[in-house]
Amino acid sequence: MSCKMAIVVAKEMKEKYSNLLELKIYTTDSKEAAAYDFRSATNVLFEEETVPVDIATDKNKMDAFLASRL
């Protein structure tokens, strides 16, 4: 469930911050993810740093997170 929520939130944030944010979604078995030591199915990165799942899956928390960094 958290993976689906993270994708929904990510797409909403991409829509809101379209001119400031590039969105890429990969599966954990993709070649792009191979460079990271992911230990769970849901992983969100912002500027190469992991975003906690509780933030990445909550629209308001993710909006506040991005607003403070963009």
Protein backbone atom coordinates (compact mmCIF):
# COMPACT_ATOMS: atom_id res chain seq x y z
CA MET A 1 0.00 0.00 0.00
CA SER A 2 2.77 2.48 0.82
CA CYS A 3 4.27 2.08 -2.66
CA LYS A 4 0.99 3.04 -4.34
CA MET A 5 0.54 5.98 -1.97
CA ALA A 6 4.08 7.19 -2.61
CA ILE A 7 3.44 7.13 -6.36
CA VAL A 8 0.15 9.03 -5.98
CA VAL A 9 1.83 11.66 -3.79
CA ALA A 10 4.82 11.89 -6.13
CA LYS A 11 2.58 12.52 -9.12
CA GLU A 12 0.65 15.20 -7.21
CA MET A 13 3.88 16.93 -6.22
CA LYS A 14 5.13 16.73 -9.81
CA GLU A 15 1.96 18.46 -10.92
CA LYS A 16 2.30 21.16 -8.25
CA TYR A 17 6.04 21.75 -8.69
CA SER A 18 6.25 20.90 -12.39
CA ASN A 19 8.76 23.60 -13.25
CA LEU A 20 11.04 22.73 -10.31
CA LEU A 21 10.80 18.98 -10.01
CA GLU A 22 11.73 16.07 -12.25
CA LEU A 23 9.93 12.84 -11.44
CA LYS A 24 11.30 9.40 -12.21
CA ILE A 25 9.67 6.19 -11.02
CA TYR A 26 11.63 2.93 -11.08
CA THR A 27 11.10 -0.54 -9.68
CA THR A 28 13.60 -1.78 -7.12
CA ASP A 29 14.93 -4.32 -9.61
CA SER A 30 15.64 -1.69 -12.28
CA LYS A 31 19.18 -0.87 -13.39
CA GLU A 32 18.70 2.69 -12.05
CA ALA A 33 18.00 1.35 -8.56
CA ALA A 34 20.94 -1.06 -8.60
CA ALA A 35 23.34 1.60 -7.32
CA TYR A 36 21.35 1.91 -4.08
CA ASP A 37 21.09 -0.58 -1.24
CA PHE A 38 17.30 -0.47 -0.99
CA ARG A 39 15.90 -2.76 1.68
CA SER A 40 12.20 -2.22 1.09
CA ALA A 41 9.80 -1.96 -1.83
CA THR A 42 9.04 1.73 -1.26
CA ASN A 43 11.97 4.12 -1.56
CA VAL A 44 11.78 7.80 -2.39
CA LEU A 45 14.83 9.93 -3.09
CA PHE A 46 15.13 13.68 -3.29
CA GLU A 47 18.48 14.97 -4.51
CA GLU A 48 20.06 11.57 -3.79
CA GLU A 49 18.78 11.50 -0.17
CA THR A 50 16.17 9.07 1.11
CA VAL A 51 12.83 10.60 2.07
CA PRO A 52 11.18 8.82 5.01
CA VAL A 53 8.17 6.74 3.91
CA ASP A 54 5.85 8.54 6.36
CA ILE A 55 6.64 11.80 4.53
CA ALA A 56 6.64 10.33 1.02
CA THR A 57 3.19 8.81 1.48
CA ASP A 58 1.49 11.88 2.98
CA LYS A 59 0.55 14.70 0.59
CA ASN A 60 0.76 17.47 3.20
CA LYS A 61 4.06 16.28 4.68
CA MET A 62 5.63 15.84 1.25
CA ASP A 63 4.42 19.27 0.16
CA ALA A 64 5.99 20.85 3.26
CA PHE A 65 9.17 18.83 2.69
CA LEU A 66 9.50 20.01 -0.92
CA ALA A 67 8.48 23.59 -0.16
CA SER A 68 11.35 23.85 2.31
CA ARG A 69 13.89 22.53 -0.22
CA LEU A 70 12.90 23.92 -3.60
